[in-house]
Amino acid sequence: MSGIFHTLKKNKLKMKKILLILVAALGLTATAQTGFKKSDKFVEGSVSYTKTKDVDATYTFAPTVGYFVTDKTAVGISVETGKDATGSSTSVGLFARHYFLNVGQNFKVYSQLGVNNNNDADVKSYVSADLGLGLNYFVTQNLALTTSLTSLASYNDQTSTFNVGFNGVKNPFTTTTPTFGVIYKF
């Protein structure tokens, strides 16, 4: 009989811990501010560079400009230029970004839909679209570090491919070309 009471007491303690963790998590997301407000503007940029033995260097430079139409939703223009072993490429596109999760005061998770017109050196112009997740970490009120986390869906007009699905979160420290960036809000 005492074994049953001991098991019930132990389970009750586990439930209290789980409840405390859930309340803390809800409190973090409920009290956090998005860090943005309607009519805020931002510039964002990322640079990547990869050089491996016996292979030409690969680089990309991707500036972005955005405008908040609501406290959590921004629209903007993106440009990306780069070079790899097959030649140079340029991409110009439009995006819509929505911030939907705050973890504490500094981490902001967003989803982003982008449509791009791509031009490669050896291929005719083609259109691509991507729906993905990203993360900002605010170092100051106006300055944040940013990275893309994963692609949930993508379309490529050149190859007529459409991909849907969550293939896991990209670890920006282990990919061949990490994509870290900086965002400045003004």
C-alpha atoms as a PDB file:
ATOM      1  CA  MET A   1       0.000   0.000   0.000  1.00  0.00           C
ATOM      2  CA  SER A   2       2.834   2.428   0.818  1.00  0.00           C
ATOM      3  CA  GLY A   3       4.328   1.655  -2.617  1.00  0.00           C
ATOM      4  CA  ILE A   4       1.167   2.946  -4.313  1.00  0.00           C
ATOM      5  CA  PHE A   5       1.244   6.186  -2.292  1.00  0.00           C
ATOM      6  CA  HIS A   6       4.949   6.625  -3.063  1.00  0.00           C
ATOM      7  CA  THR A   7       4.266   6.191  -6.824  1.00  0.00           C
ATOM      8  CA  LEU A   8       1.315   8.637  -6.709  1.00  0.00           C
ATOM      9  CA  LYS A   9       3.413  11.194  -4.821  1.00  0.00           C
ATOM     10  CA  LYS A  10       6.257  10.793  -7.333  1.00  0.00           C
ATOM     11  CA  ASN A  11       3.868  11.253 -10.317  1.00  0.00           C
ATOM     12  CA  LYS A  12       2.301  14.297  -8.656  1.00  0.00           C
ATOM     13  CA  LEU A  13       5.763  15.868  -8.340  1.00  0.00           C
ATOM     14  CA  LYS A  14       6.466  15.192 -12.051  1.00  0.00           C
ATOM     15  CA  MET A  15       3.140  16.791 -13.011  1.00  0.00           C
ATOM     16  CA  LYS A  16       3.974  19.886 -10.940  1.00  0.00           C
ATOM     17  CA  LYS A  17       7.325  20.211 -12.733  1.00  0.00           C
ATOM     18  CA  ILE A  18       5.680  19.856 -16.147  1.00  0.00           C
ATOM     19  CA  LEU A  19       3.011  22.405 -15.230  1.00  0.00           C
ATOM     20  CA  LEU A  20       5.670  24.840 -13.983  1.00  0.00           C
ATOM     21  CA  ILE A  21       7.624  24.496 -17.251  1.00  0.00           C
ATOM     22  CA  LEU A  22       4.466  25.063 -19.339  1.00  0.00           C
ATOM     23  CA  VAL A  23       3.471  28.137 -17.320  1.00  0.00           C
ATOM     24  CA  ALA A  24       6.992  29.555 -17.647  1.00  0.00           C
ATOM     25  CA  ALA A  25       6.997  28.958 -21.412  1.00  0.00           C
ATOM     26  CA  LEU A  26       3.602  30.595 -21.835  1.00  0.00           C
ATOM     27  CA  GLY A  27       4.738  33.493 -19.704  1.00  0.00           C
ATOM     28  CA  LEU A  28       7.789  34.026 -21.889  1.00  0.00           C
ATOM     29  CA  THR A  29       5.781  34.163 -25.093  1.00  0.00           C
ATOM     30  CA  ALA A  30       2.855  36.110 -23.660  1.00  0.00           C
ATOM     31  CA  THR A  31       4.892  38.958 -22.151  1.00  0.00           C
ATOM     32  CA  ALA A  32       7.498  39.406 -24.870  1.00  0.00           C
ATOM     33  CA  GLN A  33       7.259  42.236 -27.393  1.00  0.00           C
ATOM     34  CA  THR A  34       7.922  41.601 -31.069  1.00  0.00           C
ATOM     35  CA  GLY A  35      10.590  44.294 -31.156  1.00  0.00           C
ATOM     36  CA  PHE A  36       8.844  45.913 -34.119  1.00  0.00           C
ATOM     37  CA  LYS A  37       5.880  48.187 -34.625  1.00  0.00           C
ATOM     38  CA  LYS A  38       3.854  49.271 -37.620  1.00  0.00           C
ATOM     39  CA  SER A  39       5.814  51.578 -39.970  1.00  0.00           C
ATOM     40  CA  ASP A  40       9.251  50.426 -38.716  1.00  0.00           C
ATOM     41  CA  LYS A  41      11.796  49.967 -41.482  1.00  0.00           C
ATOM     42  CA  PHE A  42      14.785  47.638 -41.543  1.00  0.00           C
ATOM     43  CA  VAL A  43      17.829  46.749 -43.568  1.00  0.00           C
ATOM     44  CA  GLU A  44      19.273  43.283 -43.405  1.00  0.00           C
ATOM     45  CA  GLY A  45      22.298  41.713 -44.951  1.00  0.00           C
ATOM     46  CA  SER A  46      24.074  38.391 -45.017  1.00  0.00           C
ATOM     47  CA  VAL A  47      27.399  37.312 -46.433  1.00  0.00           C
ATOM     48  CA  SER A  48      28.722  33.802 -46.920  1.00  0.00           C
ATOM     49  CA  TYR A  49      32.112  32.609 -48.136  1.00  0.00           C
ATOM     50  CA  THR A  50      33.409  29.091 -48.624  1.00  0.00           C
ATOM     51  CA  LYS A  51      36.828  27.988 -49.802  1.00  0.00           C
ATOM     52  CA  THR A  52      37.895  24.373 -49.907  1.00  0.00           C
ATOM     53  CA  LYS A  53      41.110  22.813 -51.138  1.00  0.00           C
ATOM     54  CA  ASP A  54      41.320  22.496 -54.928  1.00  0.00           C
ATOM     55  CA  VAL A  55      37.932  24.209 -55.438  1.00  0.00           C
ATOM     56  CA  ASP A  56      37.228  27.813 -56.374  1.00  0.00           C
ATOM     57  CA  ALA A  57      35.808  30.014 -53.622  1.00  0.00           C
ATOM     58  CA  THR A  58      32.051  30.415 -53.347  1.00  0.00           C
ATOM     59  CA  TYR A  59      30.459  33.564 -51.977  1.00  0.00           C
ATOM     60  CA  THR A  60      27.079  35.292 -51.692  1.00  0.00           C
ATOM     61  CA  PHE A  61      26.039  38.768 -50.641  1.00  0.00           C
ATOM     62  CA  ALA A  62      22.336  39.316 -49.882  1.00  0.00           C
ATOM     63  CA  PRO A  63      20.994  42.741 -48.813  1.00  0.00           C
ATOM     64  CA  THR A  64      17.305  43.134 -47.898  1.00  0.00           C
ATOM     65  CA  VAL A  65      15.074  46.138 -47.177  1.00  0.00           C
ATOM     66  CA  GLY A  66      11.731  45.815 -45.391  1.00  0.00           C
ATOM     67  CA  TYR A  67       8.788  47.820 -44.060  1.00  0.00           C
ATOM     68  CA  PHE A  68       6.358  46.758 -41.306  1.00  0.00           C
ATOM     69  CA  VAL A  69       2.728  46.999 -42.406  1.00  0.00           C
ATOM     70  CA  THR A  70       1.553  45.736 -38.973  1.00  0.00           C
ATOM     71  CA  ASP A  71       3.350  45.182 -35.662  1.00  0.00           C
ATOM     72  CA  LYS A  72       4.288  41.644 -36.728  1.00  0.00           C
ATOM     73  CA  THR A  73       4.221  41.612 -40.553  1.00  0.00           C
ATOM     74  CA  ALA A  74       6.768  43.117 -42.931  1.00  0.00           C
ATOM     75  CA  VAL A  75       7.080  43.259 -46.714  1.00  0.00           C
ATOM     76  CA  GLY A  76      10.207  44.030 -48.668  1.00  0.00           C
ATOM     77  CA  ILE A  77      12.704  43.573 -51.453  1.00  0.00           C
ATOM     78  CA  SER A  78      15.684  41.227 -51.469  1.00  0.00           C
ATOM     79  CA  VAL A  79      18.710  40.976 -53.733  1.00  0.00           C
ATOM     80  CA  GLU A  80      21.336  38.244 -53.788  1.00  0.00           C
ATOM     81  CA  THR A  81      24.477  38.060 -55.834  1.00  0.00           C
ATOM     82  CA  GLY A  82      27.148  35.425 -55.750  1.00  0.00           C
ATOM     83  CA  LYS A  83      29.699  33.240 -57.468  1.00  0.00           C
ATOM     84  CA  ASP A  84      30.389  29.521 -57.393  1.00  0.00           C
ATOM     85  CA  ALA A  85      32.230  26.985 -59.538  1.00  0.00           C
ATOM     86  CA  THR A  86      29.624  27.234 -62.323  1.00  0.00           C
ATOM     87  CA  GLY A  87      29.686  31.042 -62.558  1.00  0.00           C
ATOM     88  CA  SER A  88      27.972  34.068 -61.118  1.00  0.00           C
ATOM     89  CA  SER A  89      24.304  34.514 -60.277  1.00  0.00           C
ATOM     90  CA  THR A  90      21.902  37.275 -59.279  1.00  0.00           C
ATOM     91  CA  SER A  91      18.467  37.095 -57.719  1.00  0.00           C
ATOM     92  CA  VAL A  92      15.924  39.870 -57.093  1.00  0.00           C
ATOM     93  CA  GLY A  93      12.731  39.216 -55.198  1.00  0.00           C
ATOM     94  CA  LEU A  94       9.849  40.254 -52.987  1.00  0.00           C
ATOM     95  CA  PHE A  95       9.048  38.832 -49.573  1.00  0.00           C
ATOM     96  CA  ALA A  96       6.465  38.894 -46.796  1.00  0.00           C
ATOM     97  CA  ARG A  97       7.637  38.058 -43.269  1.00  0.00           C
ATOM     98  CA  HIS A  98       5.472  37.390 -40.217  1.00  0.00           C
ATOM     99  CA  TYR A  99       6.812  37.192 -36.652  1.00  0.00           C
ATOM    100  CA  PHE A 100       4.771  34.638 -34.735  1.00  0.00           C
ATOM    101  CA  LEU A 101       6.819  33.471 -31.752  1.00  0.00           C
ATOM    102  CA  ASN A 102       8.833  35.305 -29.125  1.00  0.00           C
ATOM    103  CA  VAL A 103      11.150  33.340 -26.890  1.00  0.00           C
ATOM    104  CA  GLY A 104      12.085  35.683 -24.074  1.00  0.00           C
ATOM    105  CA  GLN A 105      12.766  39.293 -24.922  1.00  0.00           C
ATOM    106  CA  ASN A 106      15.504  38.750 -27.521  1.00  0.00           C
ATOM    107  CA  PHE A 107      14.651  35.755 -29.750  1.00  0.00           C
ATOM    108  CA  LYS A 108      12.047  36.333 -32.477  1.00  0.00           C
ATOM    109  CA  VAL A 109      10.950  33.497 -34.794  1.00  0.00           C
ATOM    110  CA  TYR A 110       9.370  34.321 -38.151  1.00  0.00           C
ATOM    111  CA  SER A 111       7.996  32.693 -41.262  1.00  0.00           C
ATOM    112  CA  GLN A 112       8.811  34.193 -44.636  1.00  0.00           C
ATOM    113  CA  LEU A 113       7.399  33.753 -48.121  1.00  0.00           C
ATOM    114  CA  GLY A 114       9.667  34.944 -50.921  1.00  0.00           C
ATOM    115  CA  VAL A 115       9.376  35.012 -54.707  1.00  0.00           C
ATOM    116  CA  ASN A 116      12.561  35.590 -56.708  1.00  0.00           C
ATOM    117  CA  ASN A 117      13.641  36.153 -60.290  1.00  0.00           C
ATOM    118  CA  ASN A 118      16.981  34.359 -60.702  1.00  0.00           C
ATOM    119  CA  ASN A 119      19.652  34.877 -63.361  1.00  0.00           C
ATOM    120  CA  ASP A 120      22.540  32.438 -63.624  1.00  0.00           C
ATOM    121  CA  ALA A 121      25.484  32.824 -65.980  1.00  0.00           C
ATOM    122  CA  ASP A 122      24.767  29.664 -67.963  1.00  0.00           C
ATOM    123  CA  VAL A 123      20.977  29.384 -67.516  1.00  0.00           C
ATOM    124  CA  LYS A 124      18.119  31.571 -68.689  1.00  0.00           C
ATOM    125  CA  SER A 125      16.143  33.571 -66.131  1.00  0.00           C
ATOM    126  CA  TYR A 126      13.814  31.549 -63.894  1.00  0.00           C
ATOM    127  CA  VAL A 127      11.430  32.086 -60.976  1.00  0.00           C
ATOM    128  CA  SER A 128      11.657  30.464 -57.569  1.00  0.00           C
ATOM    129  CA  ALA A 129       9.544  30.706 -54.420  1.00  0.00           C
ATOM    130  CA  ASP A 130      10.249  29.628 -50.861  1.00  0.00           C
ATOM    131  CA  LEU A 131       8.361  29.423 -47.575  1.00  0.00           C
ATOM    132  CA  GLY A 132      10.721  29.164 -44.632  1.00  0.00           C
ATOM    133  CA  LEU A 133      11.413  29.863 -40.982  1.00  0.00           C
ATOM    134  CA  GLY A 134      14.006  32.215 -39.566  1.00  0.00           C
ATOM    135  CA  LEU A 135      15.245  33.577 -36.271  1.00  0.00           C
ATOM    136  CA  ASN A 136      16.410  36.966 -35.044  1.00  0.00           C
ATOM    137  CA  TYR A 137      18.375  37.534 -31.840  1.00  0.00           C
ATOM    138  CA  PHE A 138      18.246  41.160 -30.729  1.00  0.00           C
ATOM    139  CA  VAL A 139      21.579  42.343 -29.337  1.00  0.00           C
ATOM    140  CA  THR A 140      20.244  45.880 -28.812  1.00  0.00           C
ATOM    141  CA  GLN A 141      16.856  47.477 -29.386  1.00  0.00           C
ATOM    142  CA  ASN A 142      17.721  48.178 -33.041  1.00  0.00           C
ATOM    143  CA  LEU A 143      20.362  45.574 -33.922  1.00  0.00           C
ATOM    144  CA  ALA A 144      19.815  41.821 -34.319  1.00  0.00           C
ATOM    145  CA  LEU A 145      21.690  38.781 -35.579  1.00  0.00           C
ATOM    146  CA  THR A 146      19.668  36.667 -38.003  1.00  0.00           C
ATOM    147  CA  THR A 147      19.751  33.224 -39.604  1.00  0.00           C
ATOM    148  CA  SER A 148      17.403  31.085 -41.680  1.00  0.00           C
ATOM    149  CA  LEU A 149      16.321  27.881 -39.947  1.00  0.00           C
ATOM    150  CA  THR A 150      14.572  25.720 -42.536  1.00  0.00           C
ATOM    151  CA  SER A 151      12.595  25.670 -45.769  1.00  0.00           C
ATOM    152  CA  LEU A 152       9.050  24.339 -45.446  1.00  0.00           C
ATOM    153  CA  ALA A 153       8.091  24.560 -49.116  1.00  0.00           C
ATOM    154  CA  SER A 154       9.837  25.638 -52.300  1.00  0.00           C
ATOM    155  CA  TYR A 155       9.212  25.886 -56.030  1.00  0.00           C
ATOM    156  CA  ASN A 156      11.715  26.220 -58.872  1.00  0.00           C
ATOM    157  CA  ASP A 157      10.424  27.202 -62.312  1.00  0.00           C
ATOM    158  CA  GLN A 158      13.675  26.161 -64.039  1.00  0.00           C
ATOM    159  CA  THR A 159      13.460  22.526 -62.952  1.00  0.00           C
ATOM    160  CA  SER A 160       9.679  22.444 -62.368  1.00  0.00           C
ATOM    161  CA  THR A 161      10.215  21.085 -58.867  1.00  0.00           C
ATOM    162  CA  PHE A 162       7.911  21.655 -55.932  1.00  0.00           C
ATOM    163  CA  ASN A 163       9.068  20.496 -52.494  1.00  0.00           C
ATOM    164  CA  VAL A 164       6.933  20.420 -49.367  1.00  0.00           C
ATOM    165  CA  GLY A 165       7.895  19.131 -45.976  1.00  0.00           C
ATOM    166  CA  PHE A 166       9.910  19.712 -42.896  1.00  0.00           C
ATOM    167  CA  ASN A 167      13.336  18.163 -43.338  1.00  0.00           C
ATOM    168  CA  GLY A 168      14.698  19.350 -40.006  1.00  0.00           C
ATOM    169  CA  VAL A 169      16.285  22.550 -38.885  1.00  0.00           C
ATOM    170  CA  LYS A 170      19.472  23.614 -40.654  1.00  0.00           C
ATOM    171  CA  ASN A 171      22.407  23.932 -38.314  1.00  0.00           C
ATOM    172  CA  PRO A 172      24.152  27.065 -39.615  1.00  0.00           C
ATOM    173  CA  PHE A 173      27.431  25.903 -38.065  1.00  0.00           C
ATOM    174  CA  THR A 174      27.651  22.701 -40.122  1.00  0.00           C
ATOM    175  CA  THR A 175      26.241  23.652 -43.528  1.00  0.00           C
ATOM    176  CA  THR A 176      28.686  24.238 -46.352  1.00  0.00           C
ATOM    177  CA  THR A 177      27.797  27.932 -46.538  1.00  0.00           C
ATOM    178  CA  PRO A 178      26.421  29.291 -43.263  1.00  0.00           C
ATOM    179  CA  THR A 179      23.945  32.126 -43.688  1.00  0.00           C
ATOM    180  CA  PHE A 180      24.204  34.499 -40.802  1.00  0.00           C
ATOM    181  CA  GLY A 181      23.184  38.093 -41.139  1.00  0.00           C
ATOM    182  CA  VAL A 182      22.601  41.346 -39.362  1.00  0.00           C
ATOM    183  CA  ILE A 183      19.354  43.295 -39.229  1.00  0.00           C
ATOM    184  CA  TYR A 184      19.100  46.966 -38.296  1.00  0.00           C
ATOM    185  CA  LYS A 185      15.710  48.450 -37.418  1.00  0.00           C
ATOM    186  CA  PHE A 186      15.092  52.192 -37.726  1.00  0.00           C
END
